[in-house]
Amino acid sequence: MPWKHKRVRVEPGLYRAGQVYWACATPPNERAAQWLKLGAVGIQEARRRRDEFAYKLRARDLPPVPARITVGQIANEWFSHLDELVAAGQLRPRTVESYRNGIRHHVLPTLGSRQVSSIGPDGPRGVARGATPIRRDGLVDPCALGPAS
């Protein structure tokens, strides 16, 4: 999906896309720059936030950028957590097995290899088999439901 507004350089490390400012800085000993959305603020506030972001990034005071994790990897982590809850006596094994089967049969076949960051708010809606077709305006598409019985 193309950007609505292209980022235009205002000054070193500070960019603007429409009314929104972005900061850009590169951590020490790395090649890839990191971006931070500063929001629709004034130029002085954008400069202050950019400088604070760059300082924290260079001081390694920011949390690391999350890796490209897939839905399947998150499901496996969650399964491990559920196993711990069973061992602690907080969940029954049958409950966990039910959760595990539901995820393995209905979610992982279609979404398991997708990166979590690639799934938007409407992500799983159209991907699942048998999902009700929804138009852009949020209404059910009657043409996609098939003939009335």
C-alpha atoms as a PDB file:
ATOM      1  CA  MET A   1       0.000   0.000   0.000  1.00  0.00           C
ATOM      2  CA  PRO A   2       1.594   3.307  -1.042  1.00  0.00           C
ATOM      3  CA  TRP A   3       2.144   6.099   1.435  1.00  0.00           C
ATOM      4  CA  LYS A   4      -0.348   8.928   1.302  1.00  0.00           C
ATOM      5  CA  HIS A   5       2.439  11.481   1.787  1.00  0.00           C
ATOM      6  CA  LYS A   6       6.089  10.956   0.928  1.00  0.00           C
ATOM      7  CA  ARG A   7       8.601  11.721   3.675  1.00  0.00           C
ATOM      8  CA  VAL A   8      10.467  14.925   2.845  1.00  0.00           C
ATOM      9  CA  ARG A   9      13.719  15.826   4.596  1.00  0.00           C
ATOM     10  CA  VAL A  10      13.399  18.957   6.721  1.00  0.00           C
ATOM     11  CA  GLU A  11      16.880  18.838   8.241  1.00  0.00           C
ATOM     12  CA  PRO A  12      19.335  16.098   9.223  1.00  0.00           C
ATOM     13  CA  GLY A  13      17.452  13.318  11.006  1.00  0.00           C
ATOM     14  CA  LEU A  14      14.063  15.041  10.708  1.00  0.00           C
ATOM     15  CA  TYR A  15      11.486  14.299   8.028  1.00  0.00           C
ATOM     16  CA  ARG A  16       7.913  15.352   7.400  1.00  0.00           C
ATOM     17  CA  ALA A  17       5.064  13.464   5.722  1.00  0.00           C
ATOM     18  CA  GLY A  18       1.993  15.664   5.476  1.00  0.00           C
ATOM     19  CA  GLN A  19       1.528  17.126   8.963  1.00  0.00           C
ATOM     20  CA  VAL A  20       3.455  14.325  10.725  1.00  0.00           C
ATOM     21  CA  TYR A  21       7.148  14.517  11.649  1.00  0.00           C
ATOM     22  CA  TRP A  22       9.480  11.511  11.666  1.00  0.00           C
ATOM     23  CA  ALA A  23      12.904  11.117  13.279  1.00  0.00           C
ATOM     24  CA  CYS A  24      15.640   9.005  11.736  1.00  0.00           C
ATOM     25  CA  ALA A  25      18.836   7.887  13.466  1.00  0.00           C
ATOM     26  CA  THR A  26      21.344   5.073  13.121  1.00  0.00           C
ATOM     27  CA  PRO A  27      22.543   3.123  16.169  1.00  0.00           C
ATOM     28  CA  PRO A  28      26.315   2.849  16.673  1.00  0.00           C
ATOM     29  CA  ASN A  29      28.030   0.071  14.695  1.00  0.00           C
ATOM     30  CA  GLU A  30      24.895  -0.628  12.651  1.00  0.00           C
ATOM     31  CA  ARG A  31      23.977   0.145   9.077  1.00  0.00           C
ATOM     32  CA  ALA A  32      20.179   0.220   9.207  1.00  0.00           C
ATOM     33  CA  ALA A  33      18.518   3.420  10.327  1.00  0.00           C
ATOM     34  CA  GLN A  34      15.634   3.366  12.778  1.00  0.00           C
ATOM     35  CA  TRP A  35      12.568   5.560  12.423  1.00  0.00           C
ATOM     36  CA  LEU A  36      10.296   7.053  15.057  1.00  0.00           C
ATOM     37  CA  LYS A  37       6.959   8.708  14.359  1.00  0.00           C
ATOM     38  CA  LEU A  38       6.945  11.995  16.271  1.00  0.00           C
ATOM     39  CA  GLY A  39       3.381  12.974  15.418  1.00  0.00           C
ATOM     40  CA  ALA A  40       1.722  16.174  14.245  1.00  0.00           C
ATOM     41  CA  VAL A  41       3.721  18.587  16.378  1.00  0.00           C
ATOM     42  CA  GLY A  42       5.441  21.901  15.768  1.00  0.00           C
ATOM     43  CA  ILE A  43       8.971  22.123  14.396  1.00  0.00           C
ATOM     44  CA  GLN A  44      10.533  22.950  17.778  1.00  0.00           C
ATOM     45  CA  GLU A  45       8.859  19.984  19.487  1.00  0.00           C
ATOM     46  CA  ALA A  46       9.846  17.733  16.569  1.00  0.00           C
ATOM     47  CA  ARG A  47      13.489  18.822  16.948  1.00  0.00           C
ATOM     48  CA  ARG A  48      13.382  18.176  20.699  1.00  0.00           C
ATOM     49  CA  ARG A  49      11.874  14.699  20.219  1.00  0.00           C
ATOM     50  CA  ARG A  50      14.337  13.871  17.417  1.00  0.00           C
ATOM     51  CA  ASP A  51      17.302  14.841  19.595  1.00  0.00           C
ATOM     52  CA  GLU A  52      15.959  12.799  22.514  1.00  0.00           C
ATOM     53  CA  PHE A  53      15.386   9.782  20.231  1.00  0.00           C
ATOM     54  CA  ALA A  54      18.878  10.037  18.702  1.00  0.00           C
ATOM     55  CA  TYR A  55      20.497  10.389  22.140  1.00  0.00           C
ATOM     56  CA  LYS A  56      18.688   7.358  23.564  1.00  0.00           C
ATOM     57  CA  LEU A  57      19.397   5.317  20.450  1.00  0.00           C
ATOM     58  CA  ARG A  58      23.118   6.089  20.550  1.00  0.00           C
ATOM     59  CA  ALA A  59      23.249   5.415  24.290  1.00  0.00           C
ATOM     60  CA  ARG A  60      21.446   2.098  23.675  1.00  0.00           C
ATOM     61  CA  ASP A  61      18.758   3.280  26.074  1.00  0.00           C
ATOM     62  CA  LEU A  62      15.894   2.186  23.780  1.00  0.00           C
ATOM     63  CA  PRO A  63      14.414  -1.305  23.660  1.00  0.00           C
ATOM     64  CA  PRO A  64      15.572  -3.329  20.649  1.00  0.00           C
ATOM     65  CA  VAL A  65      13.474  -3.271  17.512  1.00  0.00           C
ATOM     66  CA  PRO A  66      11.293  -6.399  17.507  1.00  0.00           C
ATOM     67  CA  ALA A  67      12.371  -9.100  15.097  1.00  0.00           C
ATOM     68  CA  ARG A  68      10.114 -10.153  12.272  1.00  0.00           C
ATOM     69  CA  ILE A  69       8.113 -12.708  14.210  1.00  0.00           C
ATOM     70  CA  THR A  70       5.461 -14.934  12.644  1.00  0.00           C
ATOM     71  CA  VAL A  71       2.038 -15.924  13.940  1.00  0.00           C
ATOM     72  CA  GLY A  72       3.304 -19.505  14.248  1.00  0.00           C
ATOM     73  CA  GLN A  73       6.188 -18.424  16.501  1.00  0.00           C
ATOM     74  CA  ILE A  74       3.809 -16.485  18.754  1.00  0.00           C
ATOM     75  CA  ALA A  75       1.487 -19.491  18.901  1.00  0.00           C
ATOM     76  CA  ASN A  76       4.387 -21.736  19.982  1.00  0.00           C
ATOM     77  CA  GLU A  77       5.368 -19.279  22.732  1.00  0.00           C
ATOM     78  CA  TRP A  78       1.757 -19.174  23.890  1.00  0.00           C
ATOM     79  CA  PHE A  79       1.556 -22.987  23.892  1.00  0.00           C
ATOM     80  CA  SER A  80       4.660 -23.080  26.125  1.00  0.00           C
ATOM     81  CA  HIS A  81       3.040 -20.583  28.490  1.00  0.00           C
ATOM     82  CA  LEU A  82      -0.131 -22.692  28.610  1.00  0.00           C
ATOM     83  CA  ASP A  83       1.955 -25.785  29.441  1.00  0.00           C
ATOM     84  CA  GLU A  84       3.447 -23.864  32.380  1.00  0.00           C
ATOM     85  CA  LEU A  85      -0.059 -22.985  33.574  1.00  0.00           C
ATOM     86  CA  VAL A  86      -1.050 -26.667  33.405  1.00  0.00           C
ATOM     87  CA  ALA A  87       2.050 -27.617  35.412  1.00  0.00           C
ATOM     88  CA  ALA A  88       1.115 -24.973  38.014  1.00  0.00           C
ATOM     89  CA  GLY A  89      -2.424 -26.367  38.219  1.00  0.00           C
ATOM     90  CA  GLN A  90      -4.074 -23.190  36.893  1.00  0.00           C
ATOM     91  CA  LEU A  91      -5.480 -24.801  33.716  1.00  0.00           C
ATOM     92  CA  ARG A  92      -6.722 -28.277  32.908  1.00  0.00           C
ATOM     93  CA  PRO A  93      -4.874 -30.274  30.244  1.00  0.00           C
ATOM     94  CA  ARG A  94      -8.095 -30.767  28.235  1.00  0.00           C
ATOM     95  CA  THR A  95      -8.628 -26.993  28.073  1.00  0.00           C
ATOM     96  CA  VAL A  96      -5.110 -26.431  26.749  1.00  0.00           C
ATOM     97  CA  GLU A  97      -5.501 -29.260  24.252  1.00  0.00           C
ATOM     98  CA  SER A  98      -8.719 -27.662  23.006  1.00  0.00           C
ATOM     99  CA  TYR A  99      -6.960 -24.301  22.547  1.00  0.00           C
ATOM    100  CA  ARG A 100      -4.020 -25.979  20.837  1.00  0.00           C
ATOM    101  CA  ASN A 101      -6.238 -27.907  18.394  1.00  0.00           C
ATOM    102  CA  GLY A 102      -8.273 -24.818  17.540  1.00  0.00           C
ATOM    103  CA  ILE A 103      -5.166 -22.762  16.767  1.00  0.00           C
ATOM    104  CA  ARG A 104      -3.460 -25.587  14.842  1.00  0.00           C
ATOM    105  CA  HIS A 105      -6.501 -26.394  12.709  1.00  0.00           C
ATOM    106  CA  HIS A 106      -7.995 -22.954  12.099  1.00  0.00           C
ATOM    107  CA  VAL A 107      -5.280 -20.299  12.463  1.00  0.00           C
ATOM    108  CA  LEU A 108      -1.895 -21.797  11.633  1.00  0.00           C
ATOM    109  CA  PRO A 109      -2.776 -23.251   8.200  1.00  0.00           C
ATOM    110  CA  THR A 110      -3.627 -19.802   6.831  1.00  0.00           C
ATOM    111  CA  LEU A 111      -1.745 -17.351   9.052  1.00  0.00           C
ATOM    112  CA  GLY A 112       1.073 -19.400  10.611  1.00  0.00           C
ATOM    113  CA  SER A 113       3.835 -18.273   8.264  1.00  0.00           C
ATOM    114  CA  ARG A 114       2.722 -14.620   8.075  1.00  0.00           C
ATOM    115  CA  GLN A 115       4.618 -11.958   9.946  1.00  0.00           C
ATOM    116  CA  VAL A 116       2.600 -10.399  12.738  1.00  0.00           C
ATOM    117  CA  SER A 117       3.492  -6.911  11.483  1.00  0.00           C
ATOM    118  CA  SER A 118       1.893  -7.686   8.111  1.00  0.00           C
ATOM    119  CA  ILE A 119      -1.545  -8.271   9.626  1.00  0.00           C
ATOM    120  CA  GLY A 120      -3.619  -5.128  10.055  1.00  0.00           C
ATOM    121  CA  PRO A 121      -6.792  -4.599  12.055  1.00  0.00           C
ATOM    122  CA  ASP A 122      -8.854  -6.371   9.376  1.00  0.00           C
ATOM    123  CA  GLY A 123      -6.165  -8.997   8.728  1.00  0.00           C
ATOM    124  CA  PRO A 124      -7.705 -12.364   9.560  1.00  0.00           C
ATOM    125  CA  ARG A 125     -11.204 -11.362   8.417  1.00  0.00           C
ATOM    126  CA  GLY A 126     -10.802 -12.207   4.743  1.00  0.00           C
ATOM    127  CA  VAL A 127      -8.116 -14.855   5.120  1.00  0.00           C
ATOM    128  CA  ALA A 128     -10.044 -17.486   7.045  1.00  0.00           C
ATOM    129  CA  ARG A 129     -11.852 -20.067   4.977  1.00  0.00           C
ATOM    130  CA  GLY A 130     -15.575 -19.555   5.085  1.00  0.00           C
ATOM    131  CA  ALA A 131     -15.336 -16.024   6.418  1.00  0.00           C
ATOM    132  CA  THR A 132     -18.270 -13.740   5.754  1.00  0.00           C
ATOM    133  CA  PRO A 133     -17.312 -11.360   2.919  1.00  0.00           C
ATOM    134  CA  ILE A 134     -17.233  -7.791   4.198  1.00  0.00           C
ATOM    135  CA  ARG A 135     -17.204  -4.734   1.932  1.00  0.00           C
ATOM    136  CA  ARG A 136     -15.006  -1.680   2.571  1.00  0.00           C
ATOM    137  CA  ASP A 137     -17.966   0.135   4.143  1.00  0.00           C
ATOM    138  CA  GLY A 138     -18.288  -2.619   6.764  1.00  0.00           C
ATOM    139  CA  LEU A 139     -21.471  -4.216   5.399  1.00  0.00           C
ATOM    140  CA  VAL A 140     -21.850  -7.834   4.352  1.00  0.00           C
ATOM    141  CA  ASP A 141     -21.488  -8.279   0.577  1.00  0.00           C
ATOM    142  CA  PRO A 142     -24.722 -10.045  -0.485  1.00  0.00           C
ATOM    143  CA  CYS A 143     -23.336 -10.966  -3.915  1.00  0.00           C
ATOM    144  CA  ALA A 144     -20.539 -13.052  -2.386  1.00  0.00           C
ATOM    145  CA  LEU A 145     -22.840 -15.106  -0.147  1.00  0.00           C
ATOM    146  CA  GLY A 146     -24.277 -17.140  -3.023  1.00  0.00           C
ATOM    147  CA  PRO A 147     -27.896 -17.908  -3.900  1.00  0.00           C
ATOM    148  CA  ALA A 148     -30.555 -17.607  -1.207  1.00  0.00           C
ATOM    149  CA  SER A 149     -32.101 -20.889  -0.127  1.00  0.00           C
END
